[in-house]
Amino acid sequence: MNGHLSAQLIERYRERALPPAELLDADDHLAACEMCRQRLGDERRAQAAARSLRAELAATGPTHLAYEQLEAYVEGALDPTDREIADGHLELCARCGAELDDLRAFARRMAASPAKEYAPAAPSSPREKAPSFAKGWLERLEAFWRSPAFRLSVRLASFGLIVALLLWAASLKSRNSQLQTALDDERRRNEKLKQDYQAASASATELRNQVAQLKSPSSSIVLTLNDGAGQVTLDKDGVVAGVAPAFQQTVKQALATARVETPPSLSELIGKSSVLMGPAAEGHPFALLGPVGTVTMSERPTFRWRALGGADSYVVRIYDSDFNEVVVSPRLSETKWSVTRSLERGRTYSWQVTARVNDREAVSPIRPAPEARFMVSDQAKANELAKAKSDSAGSHLTLGVLYARAGLLDDAERELQALLRANPQSALAQKLLRDVRAKRR
């Protein structure tokens, strides 16, 4: 055998694929040629290295071939060792195999496209060229669609779309919150306008009634008040109309004197309660709002007080007339609390609030300030007032006078405030409300 063994012959020798005659010639040559023996050893070492690398890849999990490696594989630019490694990886990795198939298909189409589109040919009309041109673009588009680059661009575009949708949803939520806030503000303004309109309407009605009385010399009506759903009138003979018959005498007395009556026992509850309900001073670092110096209808009244600056919590304590503690609230963060169990009717109670500011406590009221006292209405009076509320047909004037006569100053003040809102220009309604408030002094 002349010359050295070719690479193909060495490969066939290694794979034992030579016929007997060529095998003997190759053996004789290898016995005499050091270079060919070294080439055969290099091939064997490369094969062993490829097998070792394949085993390592199988043990540690496959790492995919880079795009440049796949491209070189398709173009036949890999050296034998790298190709052996790539072949071993492709046998195990379906993903790289699929991408290799895509690249091969793309290479075949790109190789075929120039011959189809640009090879010399007989001149053809634009109509004949159009199908071929469109077909070429469709093939390129299909190849790009299947390429890894297109997959990456699709992923990036999808991620960008998701981010845009999230930003849009966040801005939409913020916008909805702003619209809801604006809607709430408009509702409050509408409610305020509605109240102003009702007050103005009541005032206009009273003025019209007064004008009608002035224009009619024969009219005997000397007073008209809007009250609830109707009107209360008083004529020059002292006859009251618009009030249930059972309460006409009581209401007539209040209208004639512009004053309300209160029970004598109320003075024991009031004491100097105006000091308690006013600004903070000696004996009361913060004001108690109620119930103070009044009778309550409910067996479970709600206690209210002003906030003390820097206070962390408040505790309410209720005492009976013998100074025994009967109820204690939990620690409260708000400045009001409704007692959780019923107090005894017909009994007088006092109460205190302890505010905690950091590591110190402030109690209101304490001496020399008077006690904050109140009384729970007895059952008979509570039943009587409940029936009067039902029979008065919503008359604020009637209920205000009756509540004051029973010592329920908070309730009387609330009803007379409603009467004044319905008659803002009425001097009589103003006097009645001032008189109730003066009873606390």
Protein backbone atom coordinates (compact mmCIF):
# COMPACT_ATOMS: atom_id res chain seq x y z
CA MET A 1 0.00 0.00 0.00
CA ASN A 2 1.48 3.30 -1.13
CA GLY A 3 1.25 6.48 1.00
CA HIS A 4 -0.61 6.81 4.29
CA LEU A 5 -4.02 5.46 5.15
CA SER A 6 -6.88 7.85 4.37
CA ALA A 7 -9.19 9.05 7.13
CA GLN A 8 -12.04 7.03 5.62
CA LEU A 9 -9.90 3.89 5.58
CA ILE A 10 -8.84 4.42 9.19
CA GLU A 11 -12.50 4.91 10.17
CA ARG A 12 -13.51 1.68 8.42
CA TYR A 13 -10.50 -0.09 10.04
CA ARG A 14 -11.62 1.13 13.47
CA GLU A 15 -15.16 -0.07 12.81
CA ARG A 16 -13.85 -3.42 11.44
CA ALA A 17 -15.62 -2.90 8.16
CA LEU A 18 -12.69 -3.69 5.81
CA PRO A 19 -12.72 -6.79 3.61
CA PRO A 20 -10.00 -9.39 4.44
CA ALA A 21 -7.57 -8.34 1.70
CA GLU A 22 -7.73 -4.63 2.61
CA LEU A 23 -7.53 -5.49 6.30
CA LEU A 24 -4.25 -7.39 5.79
CA ASP A 25 -2.81 -4.51 3.78
CA ALA A 26 -3.85 -2.05 6.47
CA ASP A 27 -2.27 -4.20 9.21
CA ASP A 28 1.00 -4.41 7.28
CA HIS A 29 1.01 -0.64 6.73
CA LEU A 30 0.25 0.14 10.34
CA ALA A 31 3.05 -2.21 11.45
CA ALA A 32 5.52 -0.19 9.39
CA CYS A 33 4.04 3.39 9.61
CA GLU A 34 4.35 5.21 12.94
CA MET A 35 2.28 8.21 11.74
CA CYS A 36 -0.77 6.12 10.77
CA ARG A 37 -0.58 4.21 14.06
CA GLN A 38 -0.60 7.59 15.90
CA ARG A 39 -3.61 8.78 13.81
CA LEU A 40 -5.47 5.57 14.67
CA GLY A 41 -4.64 6.12 18.37
CA ASP A 42 -5.87 9.73 18.19
CA GLU A 43 -9.16 8.54 16.70
CA ARG A 44 -9.55 6.01 19.49
CA ARG A 45 -8.75 8.58 22.19
CA ALA A 46 -11.27 10.98 20.63
CA GLN A 47 -13.88 8.24 20.60
CA ALA A 48 -13.15 7.44 24.27
CA ALA A 49 -13.35 11.13 25.16
CA ALA A 50 -16.68 11.42 23.36
CA ARG A 51 -18.02 8.40 25.21
CA SER A 52 -16.80 9.85 28.54
CA LEU A 53 -18.33 13.23 27.80
CA ARG A 54 -21.60 11.59 26.78
CA ALA A 55 -21.63 9.69 30.10
CA GLU A 56 -20.97 12.90 32.05
CA LEU A 57 -23.75 14.69 30.22
CA ALA A 58 -26.13 11.84 30.93
CA ALA A 59 -25.16 11.93 34.64
CA THR A 60 -25.38 15.69 35.18
CA GLY A 61 -28.30 16.46 32.86
CA PRO A 62 -28.04 17.78 29.32
CA THR A 63 -26.92 21.28 28.50
CA HIS A 64 -28.31 22.37 25.18
CA LEU A 65 -26.22 23.11 22.13
CA ALA A 66 -25.70 26.76 21.31
CA TYR A 67 -27.20 28.19 18.16
CA GLU A 68 -23.69 28.63 16.70
CA GLN A 69 -22.95 24.91 17.27
CA LEU A 70 -26.19 23.89 15.54
CA GLU A 71 -25.42 26.23 12.65
CA ALA A 72 -21.89 24.78 12.27
CA TYR A 73 -23.33 21.26 12.46
CA VAL A 74 -25.75 21.96 9.60
CA GLU A 75 -22.97 23.58 7.52
CA GLY A 76 -20.55 20.66 8.20
CA ALA A 77 -18.03 22.99 9.86
CA LEU A 78 -17.57 20.96 13.09
CA ASP A 79 -14.34 18.97 13.53
CA PRO A 80 -14.76 15.22 14.07
CA THR A 81 -14.45 15.47 17.87
CA ASP A 82 -17.06 18.24 18.23
CA ARG A 83 -19.35 16.47 15.79
CA GLU A 84 -19.04 13.25 17.82
CA ILE A 85 -20.01 15.22 20.96
CA ALA A 86 -22.90 16.90 19.15
CA ASP A 87 -24.14 13.54 17.81
CA GLY A 88 -24.15 12.12 21.34
CA HIS A 89 -26.09 15.13 22.66
CA LEU A 90 -28.62 15.03 19.84
CA GLU A 91 -29.34 11.38 20.56
CA LEU A 92 -30.41 12.39 24.10
CA CYS A 93 -31.95 15.86 23.62
CA ALA A 94 -35.23 16.14 21.74
CA ARG A 95 -35.24 19.92 22.02
CA CYS A 96 -31.88 20.38 20.27
CA GLY A 97 -32.92 17.78 17.72
CA ALA A 98 -36.05 19.77 16.91
CA GLU A 99 -34.07 23.00 16.54
CA LEU A 100 -31.54 21.19 14.32
CA ASP A 101 -34.39 20.00 12.08
CA ASP A 102 -35.71 23.58 11.89
CA LEU A 103 -32.26 24.89 10.87
CA ARG A 104 -31.84 22.16 8.26
CA ALA A 105 -35.25 22.95 6.77
CA PHE A 106 -34.44 26.66 6.78
CA ALA A 107 -31.05 26.01 5.11
CA ARG A 108 -32.70 23.87 2.41
CA ARG A 109 -35.25 26.59 1.67
CA MET A 110 -32.62 29.31 1.59
CA ALA A 111 -30.48 27.19 -0.72
CA ALA A 112 -33.39 26.58 -3.05
CA SER A 113 -34.71 30.14 -3.08
CA PRO A 114 -31.95 31.80 -5.20
CA ALA A 115 -32.27 29.20 -7.93
CA LYS A 116 -36.03 29.62 -8.01
CA GLU A 117 -36.03 33.39 -7.92
CA TYR A 118 -32.78 34.61 -9.47
CA ALA A 119 -31.55 31.88 -11.89
CA PRO A 120 -31.43 33.11 -15.49
CA ALA A 121 -34.71 32.37 -17.18
CA ALA A 122 -36.74 33.52 -20.08
CA PRO A 123 -38.33 36.92 -19.56
CA SER A 124 -41.75 36.64 -18.03
CA SER A 125 -44.57 39.07 -17.51
CA PRO A 126 -45.30 40.64 -14.05
CA ARG A 127 -48.40 38.45 -13.81
CA GLU A 128 -46.24 35.31 -14.17
CA LYS A 129 -43.64 36.57 -11.68
CA ALA A 130 -46.17 37.36 -8.95
CA PRO A 131 -46.99 33.75 -7.84
CA SER A 132 -43.31 32.82 -7.65
CA PHE A 133 -42.45 35.99 -5.70
CA ALA A 134 -45.31 35.43 -3.25
CA LYS A 135 -44.36 31.81 -2.78
CA GLY A 136 -40.80 32.78 -1.92
CA TRP A 137 -41.93 35.27 0.69
CA LEU A 138 -44.32 32.73 2.19
CA GLU A 139 -41.48 30.21 2.47
CA ARG A 140 -39.24 32.80 4.17
CA LEU A 141 -42.06 33.77 6.52
CA GLU A 142 -42.70 30.13 7.42
CA ALA A 143 -38.97 29.55 8.05
CA PHE A 144 -38.79 32.64 10.27
CA TRP A 145 -41.93 31.51 12.09
CA ARG A 146 -40.26 28.23 13.02
CA SER A 147 -36.84 29.72 13.84
CA PRO A 148 -35.53 30.14 17.46
CA ALA A 149 -35.16 33.88 16.88
CA PHE A 150 -38.90 34.17 16.21
CA ARG A 151 -39.71 32.17 19.34
CA LEU A 152 -37.58 34.51 21.43
CA SER A 153 -39.23 37.59 19.91
CA VAL A 154 -42.68 36.11 20.62
CA ARG A 155 -41.75 35.51 24.25
CA LEU A 156 -40.46 39.07 24.61
CA ALA A 157 -43.56 40.48 22.97
CA SER A 158 -45.80 38.40 25.25
CA PHE A 159 -43.92 39.58 28.34
CA GLY A 160 -44.21 43.19 27.21
CA LEU A 161 -47.94 42.75 26.61
CA ILE A 162 -48.42 41.29 30.10
CA VAL A 163 -46.52 44.19 31.70
CA ALA A 164 -48.61 46.68 29.71
CA LEU A 165 -51.84 44.98 30.81
CA LEU A 166 -50.75 45.06 34.47
CA LEU A 167 -49.91 48.76 34.24
CA TRP A 168 -53.23 49.45 32.55
CA ALA A 169 -55.12 47.54 35.26
CA ALA A 170 -53.30 49.48 38.01
CA SER A 171 -54.07 52.82 36.37
CA LEU A 172 -57.70 51.76 35.89
CA LYS A 173 -58.01 50.86 39.58
CA SER A 174 -56.51 54.21 40.59
CA ARG A 175 -58.87 56.02 38.24
CA ASN A 176 -61.88 54.12 39.64
CA SER A 177 -60.82 55.10 43.18
CA GLN A 178 -60.59 58.76 42.14
CA LEU A 179 -64.00 58.60 40.46
CA GLN A 180 -65.54 56.97 43.56
CA THR A 181 -64.10 59.70 45.79
CA ALA A 182 -65.45 62.40 43.47
CA LEU A 183 -68.85 60.66 43.43
CA ASP A 184 -68.94 60.56 47.26
CA ASP A 185 -68.07 64.27 47.39
CA GLU A 186 -70.88 65.05 44.94
CA ARG A 187 -73.34 63.03 47.00
CA ARG A 188 -72.39 64.94 50.15
CA ARG A 189 -72.78 68.25 48.34
CA ASN A 190 -76.16 67.16 47.00
CA GLU A 191 -77.28 66.16 50.50
CA LYS A 192 -76.16 69.54 51.84
CA LEU A 193 -78.03 71.33 49.06
CA LYS A 194 -81.10 69.23 49.80
CA GLN A 195 -80.99 70.22 53.48
CA ASP A 196 -80.48 73.87 52.57
CA TYR A 197 -83.41 73.68 50.17
CA GLN A 198 -85.68 72.15 52.82
CA ALA A 199 -84.71 74.84 55.32
CA ALA A 200 -85.26 77.57 52.73
CA SER A 201 -88.59 76.03 51.73
CA ALA A 202 -89.74 75.95 55.36
CA SER A 203 -88.63 79.55 55.85
CA ALA A 204 -90.50 80.62 52.70
CA THR A 205 -93.62 78.82 53.88
CA GLU A 206 -93.51 80.62 57.23
CA LEU A 207 -93.02 83.96 55.51
CA ARG A 208 -95.96 83.30 53.19
CA ASN A 209 -98.13 82.44 56.18
CA GLN A 210 -97.11 85.62 57.96
CA VAL A 211 -97.78 87.71 54.84
CA ALA A 212 -101.18 86.05 54.47
CA GLN A 213 -101.99 86.89 58.06
CA LEU A 214 -100.98 90.51 57.56
CA LYS A 215 -103.11 90.79 54.41
CA SER A 216 -106.15 89.27 56.12
CA PRO A 217 -107.41 91.56 58.89
CA SER A 218 -109.99 89.04 59.92
CA SER A 219 -107.41 86.27 60.48
CA SER A 220 -107.09 85.16 64.10
CA ILE A 221 -103.80 83.18 63.65
CA VAL A 222 -100.97 84.81 65.59
CA LEU A 223 -98.32 82.08 65.25
CA THR A 224 -97.50 79.37 62.68
CA LEU A 225 -94.67 76.85 62.90
CA ASN A 226 -93.65 74.12 60.46
CA ASP A 227 -93.53 70.99 62.56
CA GLY A 228 -92.73 67.55 61.15
CA ALA A 229 -95.10 66.77 58.29
CA GLY A 230 -97.57 69.51 59.22
CA GLN A 231 -97.96 72.89 60.92
CA VAL A 232 -98.74 74.10 64.45
CA THR A 233 -100.83 77.27 64.79
CA LEU A 234 -101.85 79.47 67.71
CA ASP A 235 -104.73 81.93 67.35
CA LYS A 236 -105.46 85.10 69.30
CA ASP A 237 -107.84 83.20 71.56
CA GLY A 238 -105.05 80.79 72.61
CA VAL A 239 -106.34 77.81 70.63
CA VAL A 240 -103.56 75.49 69.45
CA ALA A 241 -104.06 73.49 66.24
CA GLY A 242 -101.80 70.84 64.67
CA VAL A 243 -101.05 69.17 68.02
CA ALA A 244 -102.64 66.00 69.40
CA PRO A 245 -105.42 66.94 71.86
CA ALA A 246 -103.67 65.21 74.78
CA PHE A 247 -100.69 67.57 74.49
CA GLN A 248 -102.35 70.84 73.47
CA GLN A 249 -102.32 72.42 76.94
CA THR A 250 -98.67 71.57 77.55
CA VAL A 251 -97.62 72.89 74.13
CA LYS A 252 -99.80 76.01 74.54
CA GLN A 253 -98.01 76.89 77.78
CA ALA A 254 -94.59 76.54 76.11
CA LEU A 255 -95.68 78.70 73.14
CA ALA A 256 -97.15 81.37 75.38
CA THR A 257 -94.14 81.67 77.70
CA ALA A 258 -91.38 80.71 75.21
CA ARG A 259 -90.02 78.45 77.95
CA VAL A 260 -89.93 74.73 78.74
CA GLU A 261 -90.50 73.17 82.15
CA THR A 262 -88.10 70.67 83.76
CA PRO A 263 -88.55 68.50 86.87
CA PRO A 264 -87.18 69.87 90.20
CA SER A 265 -85.05 66.73 90.71
CA LEU A 266 -82.99 67.67 87.65
CA SER A 267 -81.07 70.31 89.64
CA GLU A 268 -79.43 67.53 91.68
CA LEU A 269 -78.07 65.98 88.48
CA ILE A 270 -76.99 69.21 86.82
CA GLY A 271 -74.83 70.69 89.57
CA LYS A 272 -72.08 72.52 87.68
CA SER A 273 -72.26 70.34 84.59
CA SER A 274 -71.59 73.30 82.28
CA VAL A 275 -68.01 73.22 83.56
CA LEU A 276 -67.73 69.56 82.66
CA MET A 277 -69.07 70.09 79.15
CA GLY A 278 -66.94 73.15 78.47
CA PRO A 279 -63.19 73.59 77.88
CA ALA A 280 -60.73 71.63 80.00
CA ALA A 281 -59.94 73.22 83.38
CA GLU A 282 -59.04 72.25 86.92
CA GLY A 283 -60.46 68.85 87.81
CA HIS A 284 -61.25 67.82 84.24
CA PRO A 285 -58.32 67.68 81.80
CA PHE A 286 -60.75 66.88 78.97
CA ALA A 287 -64.49 67.51 78.66
CA LEU A 288 -67.23 64.90 79.13
CA LEU A 289 -70.05 65.49 76.64
CA GLY A 290 -72.83 63.26 77.85
CA PRO A 291 -74.89 62.04 79.49
CA VAL A 292 -74.20 64.77 82.04
CA GLY A 293 -76.89 66.46 84.14
CA THR A 294 -79.77 64.73 82.35
CA VAL A 295 -82.15 61.78 82.41
CA THR A 296 -81.69 59.06 79.76
CA MET A 297 -84.42 56.99 78.19
CA SER A 298 -82.14 54.04 77.39
CA GLU A 299 -80.93 51.52 79.95
CA ARG A 300 -77.72 51.29 77.91
CA PRO A 301 -76.77 54.91 77.20
CA THR A 302 -73.85 55.95 74.99
CA PHE A 303 -71.08 57.89 76.73
CA ARG A 304 -69.21 60.58 74.76
CA TRP A 305 -66.19 62.76 75.62
CA ARG A 306 -63.62 64.96 73.93
CA ALA A 307 -60.25 63.55 72.90
CA LEU A 308 -57.17 64.25 75.02
CA GLY A 309 -54.09 65.12 72.95
CA GLY A 310 -51.59 62.26 72.85
CA ALA A 311 -53.92 59.75 74.53
CA ASP A 312 -53.37 56.09 73.57
CA SER A 313 -56.58 54.67 75.08
CA TYR A 314 -59.55 55.43 77.33
CA VAL A 315 -61.41 53.48 80.06
CA VAL A 316 -64.96 54.40 81.24
CA ARG A 317 -66.04 53.62 84.82
CA ILE A 318 -69.66 53.93 86.03
CA TYR A 319 -70.58 54.26 89.73
CA ASP A 320 -73.89 54.08 91.57
CA SER A 321 -75.09 56.68 94.06
CA ASP A 322 -73.11 54.91 96.84
CA PHE A 323 -69.88 55.22 94.79
CA ASN A 324 -69.76 51.51 94.05
CA GLU A 325 -68.21 50.67 90.67
CA VAL A 326 -70.88 48.89 88.60
CA VAL A 327 -69.45 48.79 85.04
CA VAL A 328 -65.94 49.17 83.55
CA SER A 329 -65.29 49.39 79.82
CA PRO A 330 -62.36 47.72 78.03
CA ARG A 331 -59.55 49.90 76.69
CA LEU A 332 -61.07 52.11 73.98
CA SER A 333 -59.47 53.92 71.06
CA GLU A 334 -62.60 55.98 70.23
CA THR A 335 -64.18 58.81 72.25
CA LYS A 336 -67.56 57.12 72.72
CA TRP A 337 -68.80 53.87 74.23
CA SER A 338 -72.20 52.21 74.74
CA VAL A 339 -72.55 50.33 78.01
CA THR A 340 -72.79 46.59 77.39
CA ARG A 341 -75.28 45.65 80.12
CA SER A 342 -78.50 47.34 81.23
CA LEU A 343 -78.40 49.81 84.09
CA GLU A 344 -81.17 49.84 86.68
CA ARG A 345 -84.11 52.15 85.88
CA GLY A 346 -84.94 54.96 88.30
CA ARG A 347 -81.34 55.03 89.63
CA THR A 348 -78.77 57.85 89.54
CA TYR A 349 -75.22 57.14 88.35
CA SER A 350 -71.95 59.01 87.88
CA TRP A 351 -69.08 58.24 85.49
CA GLN A 352 -65.41 58.97 84.84
CA VAL A 353 -63.05 58.50 81.91
CA THR A 354 -59.38 57.58 82.40
CA ALA A 355 -57.10 58.51 79.49
CA ARG A 356 -53.67 56.90 79.19
CA VAL A 357 -50.92 59.08 77.69
CA ASN A 358 -47.65 57.15 77.32
CA ASP A 359 -46.89 55.96 80.88
CA ARG A 360 -49.24 58.28 82.78
CA GLU A 361 -53.01 58.52 83.30
CA ALA A 362 -55.42 61.48 83.29
CA VAL A 363 -58.87 61.14 84.89
CA SER A 364 -61.86 63.38 84.14
CA PRO A 365 -63.61 64.62 86.19
CA ILE A 366 -61.81 64.68 89.55
CA ARG A 367 -62.08 67.07 92.48
CA PRO A 368 -62.65 70.00 92.72
CA ALA A 369 -64.85 69.46 89.62
CA PRO A 370 -68.37 68.09 90.30
CA GLU A 371 -69.36 64.55 89.41
CA ALA A 372 -70.73 63.75 85.96
CA ARG A 373 -74.17 62.46 87.01
CA PHE A 374 -77.16 61.15 85.08
CA MET A 375 -80.33 59.20 85.83
CA VAL A 376 -81.99 56.33 83.96
CA SER A 377 -85.71 57.04 83.50
CA ASP A 378 -88.06 54.80 85.47
CA GLN A 379 -90.17 52.30 83.55
CA ALA A 380 -93.47 54.16 83.93
CA LYS A 381 -92.06 57.41 82.53
CA ALA A 382 -90.30 55.49 79.73
CA ASN A 383 -93.60 53.86 78.73
CA GLU A 384 -95.40 57.21 78.87
CA LEU A 385 -92.85 58.90 76.61
CA ALA A 386 -92.86 55.98 74.17
CA LYS A 387 -96.63 56.32 73.81
CA ALA A 388 -96.33 60.12 73.44
CA LYS A 389 -93.82 59.66 70.64
CA SER A 390 -96.27 57.39 68.84
CA ASP A 391 -99.26 59.74 69.38
CA SER A 392 -97.45 62.99 68.48
CA ALA A 393 -97.26 62.09 64.78
CA GLY A 394 -93.64 63.22 64.53
CA SER A 395 -94.16 66.67 66.11
CA HIS A 396 -90.72 67.99 67.14
CA LEU A 397 -92.34 70.75 69.19
CA THR A 398 -94.47 68.30 71.20
CA LEU A 399 -91.61 65.86 71.85
CA GLY A 400 -89.17 68.63 72.75
CA VAL A 401 -91.54 70.01 75.39
CA LEU A 402 -92.41 66.55 76.77
CA TYR A 403 -88.76 65.39 76.92
CA ALA A 404 -87.78 68.57 78.80
CA ARG A 405 -90.62 68.05 81.33
CA ALA A 406 -89.26 64.50 81.93
CA GLY A 407 -85.66 65.75 82.38
CA LEU A 408 -84.35 64.25 79.11
CA LEU A 409 -82.44 67.40 78.16
CA ASP A 410 -80.32 65.75 75.45
CA ASP A 411 -83.42 64.40 73.69
CA ALA A 412 -85.32 67.69 74.15
CA GLU A 413 -82.41 69.65 72.64
CA ARG A 414 -82.31 67.31 69.63
CA GLU A 415 -86.04 67.75 68.91
CA LEU A 416 -85.97 71.54 69.27
CA GLN A 417 -82.94 71.74 66.98
CA ALA A 418 -85.03 69.96 64.33
CA LEU A 419 -87.86 72.45 64.94
CA LEU A 420 -85.46 75.38 64.44
CA ARG A 421 -84.11 73.88 61.18
CA ALA A 422 -87.68 73.81 59.86
CA ASN A 423 -88.26 77.40 61.06
CA PRO A 424 -84.87 79.16 60.83
CA GLN A 425 -86.44 82.63 61.01
CA SER A 426 -88.68 81.84 63.99
CA ALA A 427 -87.72 83.78 67.12
CA LEU A 428 -89.93 81.50 69.22
CA ALA A 429 -88.10 78.33 68.06
CA GLN A 430 -84.79 80.00 68.90
CA LYS A 431 -85.98 80.96 72.38
CA LEU A 432 -87.21 77.45 73.18
CA LEU A 433 -83.86 75.92 72.16
CA ARG A 434 -81.90 78.49 74.18
CA ASP A 435 -84.07 77.82 77.21
CA VAL A 436 -83.35 74.06 77.12
CA ARG A 437 -79.63 74.70 76.87
CA ALA A 438 -79.80 77.19 79.74
CA LYS A 439 -81.26 74.49 82.03
CA ARG A 440 -77.79 72.88 82.21
CA ARG A 441 -76.27 75.97 83.89
